[in-house]
Amino acid sequence: MNKLLIAAMMMAALSACSQEAKQETKEAASAVASEVKDAAASATDAAASSAQAVASKVEDTAAKAASEVKEAPASEAKPAEKTEAAPADEKKDASSAKVDGKAVFEANCKMCHGGTIPGAPVVGKNDDWAPRIKQGKETLHKHALEGFNTMPAKGGNTSLSDDEVKAAVDYMANQSGAKF
């Protein structure tokens, strides 16, 4: 950035110089501008290289996970079928109980609710959560599932199930003074 400023100043000085001095200044300014351009291109290449390396690692991990899924025995792939249908309330409670709200929070919600995003209530700060907790569990769940103000639906991760989102909300609220 400083070199670019120097080059601009050199170009401005051209108007007050002799023809020979103008040529020398112009060449020096062009050299500096070229150096800045090369440095920018080099930085861009390094960033692209890093991005390609990360993308390659992600592809490798995804391929490994896919092969592990393919290799899983059929008994692991399909849940056992129940012969009796449970009432809807029991199903809801059972599936919610299996979801680890803390794990969902750590993997999906902590980025914003860990204190990095202004306006997002920080987990553990009871003052941030008190007005939200007063609205009730159902309202908090609705806002998290559908989105509210600047928070997108499901915190932007639409692959989360409703039960995972609810478990994460319950965990965050309970860590911040609620008794859900």
C-alpha atoms as a PDB file:
ATOM      1  CA  MET A   1       0.000   0.000   0.000  1.00  0.00           C
ATOM      2  CA  ASN A   2       2.847   2.387   0.864  1.00  0.00           C
ATOM      3  CA  LYS A   3       4.574   1.598  -2.432  1.00  0.00           C
ATOM      4  CA  LEU A   4       1.402   2.387  -4.309  1.00  0.00           C
ATOM      5  CA  LEU A   5       1.165   5.744  -2.541  1.00  0.00           C
ATOM      6  CA  ILE A   6       4.794   6.475  -3.428  1.00  0.00           C
ATOM      7  CA  ALA A   7       4.108   5.597  -7.064  1.00  0.00           C
ATOM      8  CA  ALA A   8       1.137   7.979  -7.116  1.00  0.00           C
ATOM      9  CA  MET A   9       3.246  10.742  -5.605  1.00  0.00           C
ATOM     10  CA  MET A  10       5.964  10.121  -8.195  1.00  0.00           C
ATOM     11  CA  MET A  11       3.429  10.417 -10.996  1.00  0.00           C
ATOM     12  CA  ALA A  12       2.172  13.702  -9.545  1.00  0.00           C
ATOM     13  CA  ALA A  13       5.707  15.053  -9.459  1.00  0.00           C
ATOM     14  CA  LEU A  14       6.059  14.458 -13.201  1.00  0.00           C
ATOM     15  CA  SER A  15       4.320  17.694 -14.079  1.00  0.00           C
ATOM     16  CA  ALA A  16       6.974  19.825 -12.321  1.00  0.00           C
ATOM     17  CA  CYS A  17      10.051  18.082 -13.716  1.00  0.00           C
ATOM     18  CA  SER A  18      12.102  18.282 -16.877  1.00  0.00           C
ATOM     19  CA  GLN A  19      11.420  15.830 -19.696  1.00  0.00           C
ATOM     20  CA  GLU A  20      14.391  13.644 -18.683  1.00  0.00           C
ATOM     21  CA  ALA A  21      13.381  13.658 -15.013  1.00  0.00           C
ATOM     22  CA  LYS A  22       9.810  12.902 -16.061  1.00  0.00           C
ATOM     23  CA  GLN A  23      10.948   9.786 -17.940  1.00  0.00           C
ATOM     24  CA  GLU A  24      13.043   8.545 -14.985  1.00  0.00           C
ATOM     25  CA  THR A  25      10.198   9.154 -12.543  1.00  0.00           C
ATOM     26  CA  LYS A  26       7.719   7.468 -14.857  1.00  0.00           C
ATOM     27  CA  GLU A  27       9.952   4.382 -15.161  1.00  0.00           C
ATOM     28  CA  ALA A  28      10.442   4.206 -11.388  1.00  0.00           C
ATOM     29  CA  ALA A  29       6.702   4.577 -10.806  1.00  0.00           C
ATOM     30  CA  SER A  30       5.977   1.843 -13.358  1.00  0.00           C
ATOM     31  CA  ALA A  31       8.498  -0.460 -11.680  1.00  0.00           C
ATOM     32  CA  VAL A  32       6.907   0.087  -8.268  1.00  0.00           C
ATOM     33  CA  ALA A  33       3.421  -0.458  -9.703  1.00  0.00           C
ATOM     34  CA  SER A  34       4.597  -3.665 -11.373  1.00  0.00           C
ATOM     35  CA  GLU A  35       6.126  -4.856  -8.098  1.00  0.00           C
ATOM     36  CA  VAL A  36       2.842  -4.193  -6.267  1.00  0.00           C
ATOM     37  CA  LYS A  37       0.914  -6.027  -8.990  1.00  0.00           C
ATOM     38  CA  ASP A  38       3.275  -9.038  -8.756  1.00  0.00           C
ATOM     39  CA  ALA A  39       2.989  -9.111  -4.959  1.00  0.00           C
ATOM     40  CA  ALA A  40      -0.816  -9.060  -5.191  1.00  0.00           C
ATOM     41  CA  ALA A  41      -0.806 -11.871  -7.760  1.00  0.00           C
ATOM     42  CA  SER A  42       1.538 -13.911  -5.576  1.00  0.00           C
ATOM     43  CA  ALA A  43      -0.714 -13.441  -2.539  1.00  0.00           C
ATOM     44  CA  THR A  44      -3.731 -14.468  -4.615  1.00  0.00           C
ATOM     45  CA  ASP A  45      -1.931 -17.607  -5.829  1.00  0.00           C
ATOM     46  CA  ALA A  46      -0.976 -18.529  -2.245  1.00  0.00           C
ATOM     47  CA  ALA A  47      -4.568 -18.106  -1.075  1.00  0.00           C
ATOM     48  CA  ALA A  48      -5.880 -20.193  -3.972  1.00  0.00           C
ATOM     49  CA  SER A  49      -3.326 -22.895  -3.179  1.00  0.00           C
ATOM     50  CA  SER A  50      -4.416 -22.996   0.446  1.00  0.00           C
ATOM     51  CA  ALA A  51      -8.075 -23.159  -0.557  1.00  0.00           C
ATOM     52  CA  GLN A  52      -7.352 -26.048  -2.937  1.00  0.00           C
ATOM     53  CA  ALA A  53      -5.486 -27.932  -0.205  1.00  0.00           C
ATOM     54  CA  VAL A  54      -8.394 -27.499   2.215  1.00  0.00           C
ATOM     55  CA  ALA A  55     -10.909 -28.539  -0.440  1.00  0.00           C
ATOM     56  CA  SER A  56      -8.847 -31.628  -1.181  1.00  0.00           C
ATOM     57  CA  LYS A  57      -8.793 -32.589   2.507  1.00  0.00           C
ATOM     58  CA  VAL A  58     -12.564 -32.112   2.724  1.00  0.00           C
ATOM     59  CA  GLU A  59     -13.080 -34.310  -0.340  1.00  0.00           C
ATOM     60  CA  ASP A  60     -10.832 -37.011   1.148  1.00  0.00           C
ATOM     61  CA  THR A  61     -12.730 -36.925   4.443  1.00  0.00           C
ATOM     62  CA  ALA A  62     -16.080 -37.077   2.647  1.00  0.00           C
ATOM     63  CA  ALA A  63     -14.931 -40.006   0.517  1.00  0.00           C
ATOM     64  CA  LYS A  64     -13.695 -41.849   3.604  1.00  0.00           C
ATOM     65  CA  ALA A  65     -16.997 -41.235   5.406  1.00  0.00           C
ATOM     66  CA  ALA A  66     -18.950 -42.400   2.344  1.00  0.00           C
ATOM     67  CA  SER A  67     -16.921 -45.600   2.113  1.00  0.00           C
ATOM     68  CA  GLU A  68     -17.461 -46.272   5.814  1.00  0.00           C
ATOM     69  CA  VAL A  69     -21.203 -45.839   5.339  1.00  0.00           C
ATOM     70  CA  LYS A  70     -21.168 -48.238   2.371  1.00  0.00           C
ATOM     71  CA  GLU A  71     -19.220 -50.802   4.389  1.00  0.00           C
ATOM     72  CA  ALA A  72     -21.624 -50.690   7.369  1.00  0.00           C
ATOM     73  CA  PRO A  73     -23.649 -53.881   7.774  1.00  0.00           C
ATOM     74  CA  ALA A  74     -27.282 -53.658   6.730  1.00  0.00           C
ATOM     75  CA  SER A  75     -28.409 -54.183  10.336  1.00  0.00           C
ATOM     76  CA  GLU A  76     -26.635 -50.953  11.322  1.00  0.00           C
ATOM     77  CA  ALA A  77     -27.951 -49.008   8.371  1.00  0.00           C
ATOM     78  CA  LYS A  78     -31.640 -49.609   9.066  1.00  0.00           C
ATOM     79  CA  PRO A  79     -33.259 -49.057  12.456  1.00  0.00           C
ATOM     80  CA  ALA A  80     -35.300 -51.908  13.818  1.00  0.00           C
ATOM     81  CA  GLU A  81     -38.961 -51.621  12.939  1.00  0.00           C
ATOM     82  CA  LYS A  82     -41.431 -51.403  15.806  1.00  0.00           C
ATOM     83  CA  THR A  83     -44.583 -53.437  15.645  1.00  0.00           C
ATOM     84  CA  GLU A  84     -46.514 -51.124  17.972  1.00  0.00           C
ATOM     85  CA  ALA A  85     -46.961 -47.450  17.250  1.00  0.00           C
ATOM     86  CA  ALA A  86     -46.155 -45.225  20.206  1.00  0.00           C
ATOM     87  CA  PRO A  87     -48.294 -42.195  20.965  1.00  0.00           C
ATOM     88  CA  ALA A  88     -47.050 -38.985  19.349  1.00  0.00           C
ATOM     89  CA  ASP A  89     -46.029 -37.408  22.680  1.00  0.00           C
ATOM     90  CA  GLU A  90     -43.894 -40.401  23.604  1.00  0.00           C
ATOM     91  CA  LYS A  91     -42.143 -40.337  20.215  1.00  0.00           C
ATOM     92  CA  LYS A  92     -41.404 -36.639  20.580  1.00  0.00           C
ATOM     93  CA  ASP A  93     -39.992 -37.001  24.091  1.00  0.00           C
ATOM     94  CA  ALA A  94     -37.939 -40.065  23.182  1.00  0.00           C
ATOM     95  CA  SER A  95     -36.325 -38.469  20.129  1.00  0.00           C
ATOM     96  CA  SER A  96     -35.603 -35.242  22.023  1.00  0.00           C
ATOM     97  CA  ALA A  97     -33.986 -37.194  24.829  1.00  0.00           C
ATOM     98  CA  LYS A  98     -31.534 -38.829  22.391  1.00  0.00           C
ATOM     99  CA  VAL A  99     -30.232 -35.524  21.028  1.00  0.00           C
ATOM    100  CA  ASP A 100     -27.226 -34.007  22.807  1.00  0.00           C
ATOM    101  CA  GLY A 101     -27.964 -30.283  22.918  1.00  0.00           C
ATOM    102  CA  LYS A 102     -24.444 -29.446  24.029  1.00  0.00           C
ATOM    103  CA  ALA A 103     -22.926 -31.275  21.043  1.00  0.00           C
ATOM    104  CA  VAL A 104     -25.286 -29.509  18.635  1.00  0.00           C
ATOM    105  CA  PHE A 105     -24.429 -26.163  20.279  1.00  0.00           C
ATOM    106  CA  GLU A 106     -20.665 -26.793  20.054  1.00  0.00           C
ATOM    107  CA  ALA A 107     -20.869 -27.792  16.389  1.00  0.00           C
ATOM    108  CA  ASN A 108     -23.407 -25.265  15.128  1.00  0.00           C
ATOM    109  CA  CYS A 109     -24.377 -22.472  17.515  1.00  0.00           C
ATOM    110  CA  LYS A 110     -21.209 -21.564  19.375  1.00  0.00           C
ATOM    111  CA  MET A 111     -19.851 -19.404  16.565  1.00  0.00           C
ATOM    112  CA  CYS A 112     -22.574 -16.793  17.125  1.00  0.00           C
ATOM    113  CA  HIS A 113     -23.754 -17.531  20.660  1.00  0.00           C
ATOM    114  CA  GLY A 114     -20.207 -17.773  22.008  1.00  0.00           C
ATOM    115  CA  GLY A 115     -19.833 -13.998  21.982  1.00  0.00           C
ATOM    116  CA  THR A 116     -18.482 -13.257  18.518  1.00  0.00           C
ATOM    117  CA  ILE A 117     -21.648 -11.808  16.946  1.00  0.00           C
ATOM    118  CA  PRO A 118     -23.039  -8.577  18.409  1.00  0.00           C
ATOM    119  CA  GLY A 119     -26.706  -8.896  19.338  1.00  0.00           C
ATOM    120  CA  ALA A 120     -26.695 -12.691  19.651  1.00  0.00           C
ATOM    121  CA  PRO A 121     -27.314 -13.728  23.271  1.00  0.00           C
ATOM    122  CA  VAL A 122     -24.145 -15.221  24.743  1.00  0.00           C
ATOM    123  CA  VAL A 123     -24.539 -18.595  26.428  1.00  0.00           C
ATOM    124  CA  GLY A 124     -23.919 -18.233  30.155  1.00  0.00           C
ATOM    125  CA  LYS A 125     -24.818 -14.543  30.258  1.00  0.00           C
ATOM    126  CA  ASN A 126     -28.116 -14.660  32.111  1.00  0.00           C
ATOM    127  CA  ASP A 127     -28.847 -10.974  31.394  1.00  0.00           C
ATOM    128  CA  ASP A 128     -28.698 -11.666  27.639  1.00  0.00           C
ATOM    129  CA  TRP A 129     -31.090 -14.589  27.928  1.00  0.00           C
ATOM    130  CA  ALA A 130     -33.538 -13.436  30.646  1.00  0.00           C
ATOM    131  CA  PRO A 131     -35.930 -11.550  28.315  1.00  0.00           C
ATOM    132  CA  ARG A 132     -35.858 -14.439  25.863  1.00  0.00           C
ATOM    133  CA  ILE A 133     -36.431 -17.079  28.537  1.00  0.00           C
ATOM    134  CA  LYS A 134     -39.446 -15.072  29.796  1.00  0.00           C
ATOM    135  CA  GLN A 135     -41.047 -15.572  26.367  1.00  0.00           C
ATOM    136  CA  GLY A 136     -41.116 -19.303  27.050  1.00  0.00           C
ATOM    137  CA  LYS A 137     -39.635 -22.462  25.639  1.00  0.00           C
ATOM    138  CA  GLU A 138     -42.080 -22.727  22.737  1.00  0.00           C
ATOM    139  CA  THR A 139     -41.307 -19.187  21.524  1.00  0.00           C
ATOM    140  CA  LEU A 140     -37.563 -19.808  21.725  1.00  0.00           C
ATOM    141  CA  HIS A 141     -37.989 -23.034  19.765  1.00  0.00           C
ATOM    142  CA  LYS A 142     -40.149 -21.276  17.152  1.00  0.00           C
ATOM    143  CA  HIS A 143     -37.624 -18.452  16.707  1.00  0.00           C
ATOM    144  CA  ALA A 144     -34.749 -20.899  16.369  1.00  0.00           C
ATOM    145  CA  LEU A 145     -36.596 -23.130  13.897  1.00  0.00           C
ATOM    146  CA  GLU A 146     -38.090 -20.377  11.738  1.00  0.00           C
ATOM    147  CA  GLY A 147     -35.498 -17.641  12.231  1.00  0.00           C
ATOM    148  CA  PHE A 148     -35.865 -14.358  14.076  1.00  0.00           C
ATOM    149  CA  ASN A 149     -34.453 -10.891  13.395  1.00  0.00           C
ATOM    150  CA  THR A 150     -30.949 -11.507  11.990  1.00  0.00           C
ATOM    151  CA  MET A 151     -30.781 -15.186  12.979  1.00  0.00           C
ATOM    152  CA  PRO A 152     -31.620 -17.448  10.038  1.00  0.00           C
ATOM    153  CA  ALA A 153     -33.856 -20.495  10.411  1.00  0.00           C
ATOM    154  CA  LYS A 154     -32.038 -23.293  12.238  1.00  0.00           C
ATOM    155  CA  GLY A 155     -29.089 -20.956  12.660  1.00  0.00           C
ATOM    156  CA  GLY A 156     -28.398 -21.312   8.961  1.00  0.00           C
ATOM    157  CA  ASN A 157     -27.885 -25.081   9.093  1.00  0.00           C
ATOM    158  CA  THR A 158     -31.013 -26.461   7.457  1.00  0.00           C
ATOM    159  CA  SER A 159     -29.654 -30.001   7.711  1.00  0.00           C
ATOM    160  CA  LEU A 160     -30.365 -29.981  11.462  1.00  0.00           C
ATOM    161  CA  SER A 161     -33.513 -31.753  12.552  1.00  0.00           C
ATOM    162  CA  ASP A 162     -36.117 -29.861  14.552  1.00  0.00           C
ATOM    163  CA  ASP A 163     -35.236 -31.977  17.599  1.00  0.00           C
ATOM    164  CA  GLU A 164     -31.547 -31.080  17.282  1.00  0.00           C
ATOM    165  CA  VAL A 165     -32.378 -27.369  17.130  1.00  0.00           C
ATOM    166  CA  LYS A 166     -34.725 -27.637  20.121  1.00  0.00           C
ATOM    167  CA  ALA A 167     -32.118 -29.550  22.128  1.00  0.00           C
ATOM    168  CA  ALA A 168     -29.496 -26.886  21.381  1.00  0.00           C
ATOM    169  CA  VAL A 169     -31.913 -24.097  22.365  1.00  0.00           C
ATOM    170  CA  ASP A 170     -32.764 -25.896  25.608  1.00  0.00           C
ATOM    171  CA  TYR A 171     -29.066 -26.376  26.368  1.00  0.00           C
ATOM    172  CA  MET A 172     -28.227 -22.702  25.715  1.00  0.00           C
ATOM    173  CA  ALA A 173     -31.195 -21.434  27.733  1.00  0.00           C
ATOM    174  CA  ASN A 174     -30.473 -23.801  30.643  1.00  0.00           C
ATOM    175  CA  GLN A 175     -26.839 -22.675  30.702  1.00  0.00           C
ATOM    176  CA  SER A 176     -28.156 -19.131  30.951  1.00  0.00           C
ATOM    177  CA  GLY A 177     -30.670 -19.423  33.784  1.00  0.00           C
ATOM    178  CA  ALA A 178     -33.640 -21.354  32.358  1.00  0.00           C
ATOM    179  CA  LYS A 179     -35.054 -24.560  33.789  1.00  0.00           C
ATOM    180  CA  PHE A 180     -36.259 -26.257  30.603  1.00  0.00           C
END
